[in-house]
Amino acid sequence: MEAVVFDLDGVLVDSERMWDEVRQAFAAAHGGRWLPDSTRAMQGMSTPEWASYLVTEVGVQLTPEVTATGVVDEMAARYARRAPVIDGAVDAVRAIASRYPVAIASSSPPVLISAFLAATGLADLVGVALSSEQTGAGKPAPDVYLAAARALGVDPTACAAVEDSTNGLRAAIAAGMAVYAVPNPHFPPDPAVLADVTVVASITDLPAALG
């Protein structure tokens, strides 16, 4: 193993529920109707993908561009008040970055990735930070993971990926990486996908798990 690539939402920040709350409130305010599978369907999607989903599937009466701006602006405001960093995540990244080059490969927009790095002081340690909206298709497509490996100058098969969701795990597997799952307790990943990866109970257990 030559590098470690982290997902952001659900791995380093406890934001999956925040995204869900903000999207649901935005949809309700703009003529949409939440579907039973909407939450899981959007996990891993890039910003253009989930904005389009809110319009075409949930029924938001706005353009995808306006929808994306409205949701991301509210998320950024919440991050500005308090970034929802998971306990132990910063120390785990610092410990791993002392041994390997590290990257972030996230479905969050760049503004929120930057806000996380600024709030945690990790910007100097995370050599590559990419959003799936910058690299092609969102998760479960492997695009953002492959782009992170290229930016690090490391073959994807020599990278470990750290994920929490079903679509994220599928993306990292498709990229050919050694995948470590920190399952999200609020949105548990598919057990069939977990069977194909290494599961760790907490982000604080990851440095030891990586060896």
N, C-alpha and C. Protein backbone atom coordinates (compact mmCIF):
# COMPACT_ATOMS: atom_id res chain seq x y z
N MET A 1 0.83 -1.19 0.00
CA MET A 1 0.00 0.00 0.00
C MET A 1 0.87 1.25 0.00
N GLU A 2 0.52 2.19 -0.88
CA GLU A 2 1.34 3.39 -1.05
C GLU A 2 0.60 4.68 -0.73
N ALA A 3 -0.73 4.65 -0.60
CA ALA A 3 -1.50 5.87 -0.33
C ALA A 3 -2.86 5.48 0.23
N VAL A 4 -3.51 6.44 0.88
CA VAL A 4 -4.83 6.22 1.47
C VAL A 4 -5.76 7.33 0.99
N VAL A 5 -6.93 6.93 0.50
CA VAL A 5 -7.91 7.87 -0.03
C VAL A 5 -9.18 7.79 0.82
N PHE A 6 -9.57 8.92 1.39
CA PHE A 6 -10.74 8.98 2.27
C PHE A 6 -11.96 9.54 1.54
N ASP A 7 -13.10 8.95 1.79
CA ASP A 7 -14.37 9.62 1.55
C ASP A 7 -14.50 10.70 2.63
N LEU A 8 -15.42 11.64 2.45
CA LEU A 8 -15.63 12.70 3.44
C LEU A 8 -16.91 12.47 4.24
N ASP A 9 -18.05 12.55 3.58
CA ASP A 9 -19.34 12.44 4.27
C ASP A 9 -19.53 11.06 4.87
N GLY A 10 -19.74 11.02 6.18
CA GLY A 10 -19.96 9.75 6.86
C GLY A 10 -18.69 9.08 7.35
N VAL A 11 -17.53 9.50 6.82
CA VAL A 11 -16.24 8.95 7.25
C VAL A 11 -15.51 9.94 8.14
N LEU A 12 -15.41 11.18 7.68
CA LEU A 12 -14.70 12.21 8.44
C LEU A 12 -15.65 13.25 9.03
N VAL A 13 -16.79 13.45 8.41
CA VAL A 13 -17.80 14.35 8.94
C VAL A 13 -19.13 13.62 9.04
N ASP A 14 -19.87 13.90 10.10
CA ASP A 14 -21.18 13.28 10.33
C ASP A 14 -22.22 14.12 9.62
N SER A 15 -22.21 14.05 8.29
CA SER A 15 -23.00 14.97 7.49
C SER A 15 -24.11 14.30 6.69
N GLU A 16 -24.15 12.98 6.66
CA GLU A 16 -25.17 12.31 5.84
C GLU A 16 -26.58 12.71 6.29
N ARG A 17 -26.80 12.76 7.61
CA ARG A 17 -28.13 13.17 8.09
C ARG A 17 -28.39 14.64 7.81
N MET A 18 -27.33 15.47 7.87
CA MET A 18 -27.49 16.89 7.56
C MET A 18 -27.89 17.09 6.10
N TRP A 19 -27.19 16.39 5.19
CA TRP A 19 -27.56 16.44 3.77
C TRP A 19 -29.03 16.04 3.59
N ASP A 20 -29.42 14.97 4.24
CA ASP A 20 -30.78 14.47 4.09
C ASP A 20 -31.80 15.51 4.59
N GLU A 21 -31.52 16.08 5.74
CA GLU A 21 -32.42 17.08 6.32
C GLU A 21 -32.53 18.31 5.43
N VAL A 22 -31.41 18.79 4.93
CA VAL A 22 -31.41 19.99 4.08
C VAL A 22 -32.12 19.72 2.76
N ARG A 23 -31.84 18.60 2.15
CA ARG A 23 -32.50 18.27 0.87
C ARG A 23 -34.00 18.10 1.04
N GLN A 24 -34.41 17.39 2.11
CA GLN A 24 -35.84 17.19 2.33
C GLN A 24 -36.55 18.51 2.56
N ALA A 25 -35.96 19.38 3.38
CA ALA A 25 -36.59 20.68 3.66
C ALA A 25 -36.67 21.52 2.39
N PHE A 26 -35.59 21.49 1.60
CA PHE A 26 -35.58 22.26 0.35
C PHE A 26 -36.66 21.73 -0.61
N ALA A 27 -36.75 20.42 -0.71
CA ALA A 27 -37.74 19.83 -1.60
C ALA A 27 -39.16 20.19 -1.17
N ALA A 28 -39.43 20.11 0.13
CA ALA A 28 -40.76 20.43 0.63
C ALA A 28 -41.12 21.89 0.38
N ALA A 29 -40.11 22.76 0.45
CA ALA A 29 -40.36 24.19 0.26
C ALA A 29 -40.56 24.56 -1.20
N HIS A 30 -40.21 23.65 -2.10
CA HIS A 30 -40.27 23.99 -3.53
C HIS A 30 -41.05 22.96 -4.34
N GLY A 31 -42.10 22.42 -3.73
CA GLY A 31 -43.06 21.61 -4.47
C GLY A 31 -42.72 20.16 -4.65
N GLY A 32 -41.67 19.67 -4.01
CA GLY A 32 -41.28 18.28 -4.17
C GLY A 32 -41.98 17.35 -3.19
N ARG A 33 -41.93 16.07 -3.49
CA ARG A 33 -42.48 15.04 -2.59
C ARG A 33 -41.43 13.94 -2.44
N TRP A 34 -40.93 13.79 -1.20
CA TRP A 34 -39.87 12.83 -0.91
C TRP A 34 -40.33 11.41 -1.14
N LEU A 35 -39.50 10.62 -1.79
CA LEU A 35 -39.83 9.22 -2.07
C LEU A 35 -39.15 8.31 -1.04
N PRO A 36 -39.69 7.12 -0.82
CA PRO A 36 -39.12 6.23 0.20
C PRO A 36 -37.63 5.92 -0.02
N ASP A 37 -37.20 5.87 -1.27
CA ASP A 37 -35.80 5.51 -1.54
C ASP A 37 -34.93 6.71 -1.92
N SER A 38 -35.44 7.93 -1.75
CA SER A 38 -34.70 9.11 -2.20
C SER A 38 -33.39 9.28 -1.45
N THR A 39 -33.41 9.05 -0.15
CA THR A 39 -32.20 9.27 0.65
C THR A 39 -31.06 8.39 0.16
N ARG A 40 -31.31 7.10 0.08
CA ARG A 40 -30.24 6.18 -0.35
C ARG A 40 -29.89 6.38 -1.82
N ALA A 41 -30.87 6.73 -2.63
CA ALA A 41 -30.61 6.90 -4.06
C ALA A 41 -29.57 7.99 -4.31
N MET A 42 -29.59 9.04 -3.49
CA MET A 42 -28.70 10.17 -3.72
C MET A 42 -27.34 10.04 -3.05
N GLN A 43 -27.17 9.07 -2.18
CA GLN A 43 -25.88 8.90 -1.52
C GLN A 43 -24.82 8.55 -2.56
N GLY A 44 -23.79 9.36 -2.62
CA GLY A 44 -22.71 9.15 -3.59
C GLY A 44 -22.85 9.92 -4.88
N MET A 45 -24.06 10.45 -5.16
CA MET A 45 -24.23 11.22 -6.38
C MET A 45 -23.42 12.50 -6.32
N SER A 46 -22.93 12.95 -7.48
CA SER A 46 -22.30 14.26 -7.57
C SER A 46 -23.37 15.34 -7.47
N THR A 47 -22.94 16.58 -7.28
CA THR A 47 -23.90 17.67 -7.15
C THR A 47 -24.83 17.78 -8.36
N PRO A 48 -24.32 17.78 -9.60
CA PRO A 48 -25.26 17.84 -10.73
C PRO A 48 -26.23 16.66 -10.77
N GLU A 49 -25.76 15.49 -10.34
CA GLU A 49 -26.63 14.31 -10.38
C GLU A 49 -27.75 14.41 -9.36
N TRP A 50 -27.43 14.75 -8.08
CA TRP A 50 -28.51 14.80 -7.10
C TRP A 50 -29.44 15.99 -7.32
N ALA A 51 -28.91 17.08 -7.86
CA ALA A 51 -29.78 18.22 -8.16
C ALA A 51 -30.79 17.85 -9.25
N SER A 52 -30.32 17.14 -10.25
CA SER A 52 -31.21 16.68 -11.31
C SER A 52 -32.24 15.69 -10.76
N TYR A 53 -31.79 14.81 -9.85
CA TYR A 53 -32.71 13.84 -9.23
C TYR A 53 -33.82 14.56 -8.46
N LEU A 54 -33.46 15.60 -7.71
CA LEU A 54 -34.47 16.33 -6.94
C LEU A 54 -35.52 16.95 -7.85
N VAL A 55 -35.10 17.37 -9.03
CA VAL A 55 -36.04 17.99 -9.96
C VAL A 55 -36.87 16.94 -10.70
N THR A 56 -36.21 15.92 -11.24
CA THR A 56 -36.92 14.97 -12.11
C THR A 56 -37.67 13.89 -11.34
N GLU A 57 -37.16 13.49 -10.18
CA GLU A 57 -37.78 12.39 -9.43
C GLU A 57 -38.59 12.87 -8.23
N VAL A 58 -38.07 13.84 -7.51
CA VAL A 58 -38.76 14.33 -6.30
C VAL A 58 -39.76 15.43 -6.66
N GLY A 59 -39.54 16.11 -7.79
CA GLY A 59 -40.52 17.09 -8.26
C GLY A 59 -40.29 18.52 -7.82
N VAL A 60 -39.06 18.85 -7.44
CA VAL A 60 -38.74 20.24 -7.09
C VAL A 60 -39.01 21.14 -8.30
N GLN A 61 -39.72 22.24 -8.06
CA GLN A 61 -40.16 23.11 -9.16
C GLN A 61 -39.15 24.22 -9.45
N LEU A 62 -37.92 23.82 -9.63
CA LEU A 62 -36.83 24.75 -9.95
C LEU A 62 -35.91 24.05 -10.94
N THR A 63 -34.95 24.77 -11.48
CA THR A 63 -33.96 24.14 -12.33
C THR A 63 -32.95 23.38 -11.46
N PRO A 64 -32.26 22.39 -12.02
CA PRO A 64 -31.22 21.71 -11.25
C PRO A 64 -30.14 22.67 -10.75
N GLU A 65 -29.79 23.67 -11.54
CA GLU A 65 -28.75 24.61 -11.13
C GLU A 65 -29.17 25.42 -9.91
N VAL A 66 -30.40 25.91 -9.91
CA VAL A 66 -30.89 26.68 -8.76
C VAL A 66 -31.06 25.77 -7.55
N THR A 67 -31.48 24.55 -7.79
CA THR A 67 -31.63 23.59 -6.70
C THR A 67 -30.29 23.30 -6.04
N ALA A 68 -29.28 23.06 -6.85
CA ALA A 68 -27.94 22.79 -6.31
C ALA A 68 -27.44 23.96 -5.48
N THR A 69 -27.60 25.16 -6.00
CA THR A 69 -27.13 26.34 -5.29
C THR A 69 -27.83 26.50 -3.95
N GLY A 70 -29.14 26.31 -3.93
CA GLY A 70 -29.90 26.46 -2.69
C GLY A 70 -29.50 25.48 -1.62
N VAL A 71 -29.34 24.21 -2.00
CA VAL A 71 -28.97 23.18 -1.04
C VAL A 71 -27.53 23.38 -0.55
N VAL A 72 -26.61 23.62 -1.47
CA VAL A 72 -25.20 23.77 -1.09
C VAL A 72 -25.00 25.02 -0.23
N ASP A 73 -25.71 26.09 -0.53
CA ASP A 73 -25.59 27.30 0.29
C ASP A 73 -26.02 27.04 1.73
N GLU A 74 -27.09 26.28 1.91
CA GLU A 74 -27.53 25.96 3.27
C GLU A 74 -26.54 25.05 3.97
N MET A 75 -25.99 24.08 3.25
CA MET A 75 -24.97 23.22 3.85
C MET A 75 -23.73 24.03 4.24
N ALA A 76 -23.31 24.95 3.38
CA ALA A 76 -22.14 25.78 3.68
C ALA A 76 -22.39 26.65 4.91
N ALA A 77 -23.61 27.16 5.05
CA ALA A 77 -23.95 27.98 6.22
C ALA A 77 -23.87 27.14 7.49
N ARG A 78 -24.30 25.90 7.42
CA ARG A 78 -24.22 25.03 8.59
C ARG A 78 -22.78 24.67 8.92
N TYR A 79 -21.97 24.43 7.90
CA TYR A 79 -20.55 24.16 8.13
C TYR A 79 -19.87 25.37 8.77
N ALA A 80 -20.28 26.58 8.34
CA ALA A 80 -19.68 27.79 8.89
C ALA A 80 -20.00 27.95 10.37
N ARG A 81 -21.20 27.50 10.75
CA ARG A 81 -21.56 27.57 12.18
C ARG A 81 -20.80 26.52 12.97
N ARG A 82 -20.72 25.31 12.42
CA ARG A 82 -19.98 24.23 13.09
C ARG A 82 -19.85 23.06 12.14
N ALA A 83 -18.63 22.79 11.70
CA ALA A 83 -18.41 21.62 10.84
C ALA A 83 -18.62 20.36 11.66
N PRO A 84 -19.44 19.42 11.18
CA PRO A 84 -19.79 18.23 11.98
C PRO A 84 -18.71 17.15 11.92
N VAL A 85 -17.52 17.47 12.39
CA VAL A 85 -16.39 16.54 12.32
C VAL A 85 -16.61 15.37 13.27
N ILE A 86 -16.40 14.17 12.79
CA ILE A 86 -16.56 12.97 13.61
C ILE A 86 -15.43 12.89 14.62
N ASP A 87 -15.78 12.55 15.86
CA ASP A 87 -14.78 12.43 16.92
C ASP A 87 -13.67 11.46 16.51
N GLY A 88 -12.43 11.90 16.64
CA GLY A 88 -11.29 11.04 16.34
C GLY A 88 -10.86 11.06 14.90
N ALA A 89 -11.66 11.69 14.01
CA ALA A 89 -11.34 11.66 12.58
C ALA A 89 -10.06 12.42 12.26
N VAL A 90 -9.91 13.60 12.85
CA VAL A 90 -8.73 14.42 12.54
C VAL A 90 -7.46 13.72 13.01
N ASP A 91 -7.50 13.16 14.21
CA ASP A 91 -6.32 12.44 14.72
C ASP A 91 -6.00 11.23 13.84
N ALA A 92 -7.04 10.56 13.37
CA ALA A 92 -6.81 9.39 12.50
C ALA A 92 -6.15 9.81 11.20
N VAL A 93 -6.62 10.89 10.58
CA VAL A 93 -6.02 11.36 9.34
C VAL A 93 -4.56 11.78 9.58
N ARG A 94 -4.32 12.47 10.68
CA ARG A 94 -2.95 12.89 10.99
C ARG A 94 -2.03 11.68 11.18
N ALA A 95 -2.51 10.67 11.87
CA ALA A 95 -1.69 9.48 12.11
C ALA A 95 -1.37 8.78 10.80
N ILE A 96 -2.37 8.66 9.93
CA ILE A 96 -2.16 7.97 8.65
C ILE A 96 -1.29 8.81 7.72
N ALA A 97 -1.49 10.14 7.74
CA ALA A 97 -0.70 11.01 6.88
C ALA A 97 0.77 11.05 7.28
N SER A 98 1.08 10.63 8.49
CA SER A 98 2.48 10.56 8.89
C SER A 98 3.19 9.36 8.25
N ARG A 99 2.40 8.44 7.67
CA ARG A 99 2.97 7.24 7.07
C ARG A 99 2.75 7.13 5.56
N TYR A 100 1.66 7.73 5.07
CA TYR A 100 1.29 7.60 3.66
C TYR A 100 0.82 8.94 3.11
N PRO A 101 0.94 9.17 1.82
CA PRO A 101 0.22 10.27 1.19
C PRO A 101 -1.29 10.01 1.33
N VAL A 102 -2.05 11.06 1.58
CA VAL A 102 -3.49 10.90 1.74
C VAL A 102 -4.25 11.84 0.81
N ALA A 103 -5.47 11.42 0.46
CA ALA A 103 -6.33 12.22 -0.41
C ALA A 103 -7.76 12.12 0.10
N ILE A 104 -8.59 13.03 -0.36
CA ILE A 104 -10.03 12.96 -0.16
C ILE A 104 -10.68 12.82 -1.52
N ALA A 105 -11.59 11.86 -1.66
CA ALA A 105 -12.37 11.65 -2.88
C ALA A 105 -13.83 11.63 -2.47
N SER A 106 -14.52 12.74 -2.67
CA SER A 106 -15.83 12.95 -2.06
C SER A 106 -16.89 13.29 -3.09
N SER A 107 -18.14 13.04 -2.71
CA SER A 107 -19.26 13.51 -3.51
C SER A 107 -19.68 14.92 -3.11
N SER A 108 -19.15 15.43 -2.01
CA SER A 108 -19.44 16.81 -1.61
C SER A 108 -18.88 17.80 -2.63
N PRO A 109 -19.49 18.97 -2.74
CA PRO A 109 -18.94 19.99 -3.64
C PRO A 109 -17.63 20.55 -3.09
N PRO A 110 -16.80 21.11 -3.94
CA PRO A 110 -15.50 21.62 -3.48
C PRO A 110 -15.58 22.60 -2.33
N VAL A 111 -16.62 23.43 -2.29
CA VAL A 111 -16.71 24.43 -1.22
C VAL A 111 -16.81 23.77 0.15
N LEU A 112 -17.48 22.62 0.24
CA LEU A 112 -17.60 21.95 1.54
C LEU A 112 -16.35 21.16 1.88
N ILE A 113 -15.68 20.61 0.89
CA ILE A 113 -14.40 19.95 1.14
C ILE A 113 -13.40 20.98 1.68
N SER A 114 -13.36 22.14 1.06
CA SER A 114 -12.46 23.20 1.52
C SER A 114 -12.81 23.66 2.92
N ALA A 115 -14.11 23.77 3.21
CA ALA A 115 -14.54 24.19 4.55
C ALA A 115 -14.10 23.19 5.60
N PHE A 116 -14.19 21.89 5.29
CA PHE A 116 -13.73 20.86 6.22
C PHE A 116 -12.23 20.98 6.46
N LEU A 117 -11.46 21.12 5.40
CA LEU A 117 -10.01 21.20 5.54
C LEU A 117 -9.61 22.44 6.34
N ALA A 118 -10.30 23.55 6.12
CA ALA A 118 -9.99 24.77 6.86
C ALA A 118 -10.35 24.63 8.34
N ALA A 119 -11.50 24.01 8.61
CA ALA A 119 -11.96 23.89 9.99
C ALA A 119 -11.09 22.95 10.81
N THR A 120 -10.47 21.97 10.15
CA THR A 120 -9.69 20.95 10.86
C THR A 120 -8.19 21.18 10.82
N GLY A 121 -7.74 22.12 9.99
CA GLY A 121 -6.31 22.35 9.85
C GLY A 121 -5.59 21.24 9.11
N LEU A 122 -6.31 20.48 8.28
CA LEU A 122 -5.72 19.36 7.57
C LEU A 122 -5.27 19.69 6.15
N ALA A 123 -5.45 20.93 5.73
CA ALA A 123 -5.17 21.27 4.33
C ALA A 123 -3.73 20.97 3.94
N ASP A 124 -2.80 21.16 4.86
CA ASP A 124 -1.39 20.93 4.53
C ASP A 124 -1.03 19.45 4.48
N LEU A 125 -1.88 18.60 5.07
CA LEU A 125 -1.59 17.16 5.11
C LEU A 125 -2.29 16.39 3.99
N VAL A 126 -3.40 16.91 3.53
CA VAL A 126 -4.19 16.24 2.49
C VAL A 126 -3.72 16.78 1.14
N GLY A 127 -2.90 16.00 0.46
CA GLY A 127 -2.27 16.47 -0.77
C GLY A 127 -3.21 16.62 -1.94
N VAL A 128 -4.29 15.83 -1.94
CA VAL A 128 -5.26 15.85 -3.04
C VAL A 128 -6.65 15.83 -2.42
N ALA A 129 -7.52 16.73 -2.87
CA ALA A 129 -8.91 16.75 -2.40
C ALA A 129 -9.81 17.01 -3.59
N LEU A 130 -10.56 16.00 -3.99
CA LEU A 130 -11.37 16.07 -5.21
C LEU A 130 -12.84 15.80 -4.92
N SER A 131 -13.68 16.51 -5.64
CA SER A 131 -15.12 16.27 -5.64
C SER A 131 -15.49 15.52 -6.91
N SER A 132 -16.48 14.66 -6.79
CA SER A 132 -16.90 13.90 -7.97
C SER A 132 -17.46 14.80 -9.07
N GLU A 133 -17.92 16.01 -8.70
CA GLU A 133 -18.40 16.91 -9.75
C GLU A 133 -17.25 17.45 -10.60
N GLN A 134 -16.02 17.26 -10.14
CA GLN A 134 -14.84 17.69 -10.89
C GLN A 134 -14.26 16.58 -11.77
N THR A 135 -14.74 15.34 -11.58
CA THR A 135 -14.03 14.20 -12.17
C THR A 135 -14.87 13.31 -13.07
N GLY A 136 -16.17 13.60 -13.23
CA GLY A 136 -17.00 12.75 -14.06
C GLY A 136 -18.22 12.28 -13.33
N ALA A 137 -18.54 11.00 -13.45
CA ALA A 137 -19.73 10.44 -12.81
C ALA A 137 -19.53 10.32 -11.30
N GLY A 138 -20.63 10.44 -10.57
CA GLY A 138 -20.60 10.24 -9.13
C GLY A 138 -20.52 8.78 -8.76
N LYS A 139 -20.36 8.51 -7.49
CA LYS A 139 -20.34 7.13 -6.98
C LYS A 139 -21.72 6.52 -7.19
N PRO A 140 -21.83 5.24 -7.58
CA PRO A 140 -20.85 4.16 -7.48
C PRO A 140 -19.85 4.05 -8.63
N ALA A 141 -19.86 4.98 -9.58
CA ALA A 141 -18.79 4.98 -10.58
C ALA A 141 -17.46 5.28 -9.89
N PRO A 142 -16.37 4.73 -10.38
CA PRO A 142 -15.08 4.88 -9.69
C PRO A 142 -14.33 6.16 -10.03
N ASP A 143 -14.92 7.04 -10.82
CA ASP A 143 -14.19 8.17 -11.40
C ASP A 143 -13.40 8.98 -10.40
N VAL A 144 -14.02 9.36 -9.28
CA VAL A 144 -13.34 10.25 -8.34
C VAL A 144 -12.17 9.54 -7.66
N TYR A 145 -12.30 8.23 -7.42
CA TYR A 145 -11.20 7.48 -6.83
C TYR A 145 -10.04 7.32 -7.81
N LEU A 146 -10.36 7.06 -9.06
CA LEU A 146 -9.31 6.93 -10.06
C LEU A 146 -8.58 8.26 -10.26
N ALA A 147 -9.33 9.36 -10.23
CA ALA A 147 -8.72 10.68 -10.38
C ALA A 147 -7.83 11.01 -9.19
N ALA A 148 -8.25 10.62 -7.99
CA ALA A 148 -7.43 10.86 -6.80
C ALA A 148 -6.12 10.09 -6.88
N ALA A 149 -6.19 8.84 -7.32
CA ALA A 149 -4.96 8.04 -7.47
C ALA A 149 -4.02 8.66 -8.49
N ARG A 150 -4.57 9.12 -9.62
CA ARG A 150 -3.74 9.78 -10.64
C ARG A 150 -3.07 11.02 -10.07
N ALA A 151 -3.83 11.81 -9.33
CA ALA A 151 -3.28 13.04 -8.76
C ALA A 151 -2.18 12.76 -7.73
N LEU A 152 -2.31 11.65 -7.03
CA LEU A 152 -1.28 11.25 -6.08
C LEU A 152 -0.07 10.63 -6.77
N GLY A 153 -0.24 10.21 -8.02
CA GLY A 153 0.83 9.53 -8.73
C GLY A 153 1.00 8.09 -8.29
N VAL A 154 -0.11 7.47 -7.86
CA VAL A 154 -0.07 6.11 -7.33
C VAL A 154 -1.08 5.25 -8.11
N ASP A 155 -0.70 4.02 -8.42
CA ASP A 155 -1.63 3.10 -9.06
C ASP A 155 -2.82 2.85 -8.13
N PRO A 156 -4.05 2.83 -8.64
CA PRO A 156 -5.21 2.59 -7.76
C PRO A 156 -5.09 1.31 -6.95
N THR A 157 -4.47 0.28 -7.52
CA THR A 157 -4.36 -0.98 -6.80
C THR A 157 -3.38 -0.92 -5.63
N ALA A 158 -2.62 0.18 -5.56
CA ALA A 158 -1.70 0.38 -4.44
C ALA A 158 -2.28 1.35 -3.41
N CYS A 159 -3.58 1.67 -3.55
CA CYS A 159 -4.25 2.59 -2.63
C CYS A 159 -5.24 1.84 -1.74
N ALA A 160 -5.38 2.33 -0.52
CA ALA A 160 -6.49 1.93 0.35
C ALA A 160 -7.54 3.03 0.27
N ALA A 161 -8.81 2.64 0.25
CA ALA A 161 -9.92 3.59 0.25
C ALA A 161 -10.74 3.38 1.51
N VAL A 162 -11.24 4.47 2.06
CA VAL A 162 -12.03 4.42 3.30
C VAL A 162 -13.41 4.98 3.01
N GLU A 163 -14.42 4.15 3.20
CA GLU A 163 -15.78 4.52 2.82
C GLU A 163 -16.79 4.10 3.90
N ASP A 164 -18.03 4.60 3.75
CA ASP A 164 -19.08 4.26 4.72
C ASP A 164 -20.38 3.81 4.08
N SER A 165 -20.63 4.18 2.83
CA SER A 165 -21.93 3.91 2.21
C SER A 165 -21.83 2.85 1.13
N THR A 166 -22.97 2.29 0.78
CA THR A 166 -23.00 1.25 -0.25
C THR A 166 -22.42 1.76 -1.57
N ASN A 167 -22.90 2.90 -2.04
CA ASN A 167 -22.41 3.41 -3.33
C ASN A 167 -20.94 3.80 -3.27
N GLY A 168 -20.51 4.34 -2.14
CA GLY A 168 -19.10 4.68 -2.00
C GLY A 168 -18.21 3.45 -2.01
N LEU A 169 -18.64 2.42 -1.31
CA LEU A 169 -17.88 1.17 -1.28
C LEU A 169 -17.79 0.56 -2.68
N ARG A 170 -18.90 0.60 -3.40
CA ARG A 170 -18.89 0.06 -4.77
C ARG A 170 -17.94 0.85 -5.66
N ALA A 171 -17.89 2.15 -5.48
CA ALA A 171 -16.99 2.98 -6.28
C ALA A 171 -15.53 2.62 -6.02
N ALA A 172 -15.19 2.48 -4.75
CA ALA A 172 -13.79 2.16 -4.40
C ALA A 172 -13.41 0.75 -4.87
N ILE A 173 -14.34 -0.18 -4.76
CA ILE A 173 -14.09 -1.54 -5.26
C ILE A 173 -13.86 -1.51 -6.77
N ALA A 174 -14.72 -0.76 -7.47
CA ALA A 174 -14.59 -0.67 -8.93
C ALA A 174 -13.28 -0.02 -9.35
N ALA A 175 -12.73 0.83 -8.47
CA ALA A 175 -11.44 1.47 -8.78
C ALA A 175 -10.27 0.53 -8.56
N GLY A 176 -10.52 -0.63 -7.96
CA GLY A 176 -9.47 -1.61 -7.74
C GLY A 176 -8.67 -1.40 -6.47
N MET A 177 -9.20 -0.58 -5.57
CA MET A 177 -8.48 -0.28 -4.34
C MET A 177 -8.77 -1.31 -3.25
N ALA A 178 -7.89 -1.36 -2.25
CA ALA A 178 -8.15 -2.15 -1.05
C ALA A 178 -9.11 -1.32 -0.20
N VAL A 179 -10.30 -1.84 0.07
CA VAL A 179 -11.37 -1.01 0.63
C VAL A 179 -11.60 -1.32 2.10
N TYR A 180 -11.65 -0.26 2.90
CA TYR A 180 -11.95 -0.34 4.33
C TYR A 180 -13.27 0.38 4.58
N ALA A 181 -14.18 -0.31 5.21
CA ALA A 181 -15.50 0.26 5.49
C ALA A 181 -15.60 0.66 6.96
N VAL A 182 -16.07 1.89 7.18
CA VAL A 182 -16.47 2.34 8.51
C VAL A 182 -17.98 2.54 8.40
N PRO A 183 -18.79 1.50 8.64
CA PRO A 183 -20.22 1.57 8.32
C PRO A 183 -20.94 2.71 9.02
N ASN A 184 -21.76 3.41 8.25
CA ASN A 184 -22.57 4.49 8.80
C ASN A 184 -23.72 3.89 9.60
N PRO A 185 -23.80 4.16 10.91
CA PRO A 185 -24.85 3.53 11.72
C PRO A 185 -26.24 4.03 11.37
N HIS A 186 -26.35 5.21 10.76
CA HIS A 186 -27.65 5.78 10.43
C HIS A 186 -28.14 5.29 9.08
N PHE A 187 -27.22 4.97 8.19
CA PHE A 187 -27.55 4.45 6.86
C PHE A 187 -26.66 3.25 6.58
N PRO A 188 -26.92 2.11 7.22
CA PRO A 188 -26.02 0.96 7.11
C PRO A 188 -25.85 0.50 5.65
N PRO A 189 -24.63 0.21 5.25
CA PRO A 189 -24.40 -0.27 3.88
C PRO A 189 -24.91 -1.69 3.67
N ASP A 190 -25.06 -2.05 2.42
CA ASP A 190 -25.54 -3.37 2.02
C ASP A 190 -24.58 -4.44 2.55
N PRO A 191 -25.10 -5.41 3.32
CA PRO A 191 -24.23 -6.46 3.85
C PRO A 191 -23.47 -7.22 2.78
N ALA A 192 -24.07 -7.37 1.59
CA ALA A 192 -23.39 -8.08 0.51
C ALA A 192 -22.15 -7.33 0.06
N VAL A 193 -22.19 -6.01 0.10
CA VAL A 193 -21.02 -5.21 -0.27
C VAL A 193 -19.98 -5.26 0.86
N LEU A 194 -20.44 -5.22 2.09
CA LEU A 194 -19.52 -5.29 3.23
C LEU A 194 -18.73 -6.59 3.23
N ALA A 195 -19.33 -7.64 2.69
CA ALA A 195 -18.65 -8.93 2.67
C ALA A 195 -17.40 -8.92 1.80
N ASP A 196 -17.29 -7.92 0.92
CA ASP A 196 -16.15 -7.85 -0.01
C ASP A 196 -15.06 -6.90 0.44
N VAL A 197 -15.20 -6.32 1.64
CA VAL A 197 -14.23 -5.31 2.09
C VAL A 197 -13.80 -5.62 3.53
N THR A 198 -12.84 -4.84 4.03
CA THR A 198 -12.42 -4.95 5.42
C THR A 198 -13.22 -3.95 6.25
N VAL A 199 -13.88 -4.43 7.27
CA VAL A 199 -14.75 -3.58 8.09
C VAL A 199 -14.04 -3.20 9.38
N VAL A 200 -14.04 -1.91 9.70
CA VAL A 200 -13.53 -1.43 10.97
C VAL A 200 -14.67 -0.73 11.70
N ALA A 201 -14.70 -0.86 13.01
CA ALA A 201 -15.84 -0.37 13.79
C ALA A 201 -15.90 1.15 13.84
N SER A 202 -14.75 1.80 13.83
CA SER A 202 -14.69 3.24 14.03
C SER A 202 -13.50 3.82 13.28
N ILE A 203 -13.59 5.09 12.92
CA ILE A 203 -12.47 5.76 12.27
C ILE A 203 -11.24 5.75 13.16
N THR A 204 -11.43 5.71 14.47
CA THR A 204 -10.28 5.69 15.37
C THR A 204 -9.53 4.37 15.30
N ASP A 205 -10.17 3.32 14.79
CA ASP A 205 -9.51 2.01 14.64
C ASP A 205 -8.74 1.88 13.34
N LEU A 206 -8.91 2.87 12.45
CA LEU A 206 -8.34 2.73 11.11
C LEU A 206 -6.81 2.71 11.07
N PRO A 207 -6.11 3.58 11.80
CA PRO A 207 -4.64 3.53 11.71
C PRO A 207 -4.06 2.16 12.05
N ALA A 208 -4.61 1.52 13.06
CA ALA A 208 -4.13 0.17 13.42
C ALA A 208 -4.52 -0.84 12.36
N ALA A 209 -5.73 -0.70 11.78
CA ALA A 209 -6.19 -1.64 10.77
C ALA A 209 -5.32 -1.58 9.51
N LEU A 210 -4.81 -0.40 9.20
CA LEU A 210 -3.98 -0.24 8.00
C LEU A 210 -2.58 -0.82 8.22
N GLY A 211 -2.20 -1.00 9.47
CA GLY A 211 -0.93 -1.65 9.78
C GLY A 211 0.25 -0.72 9.67
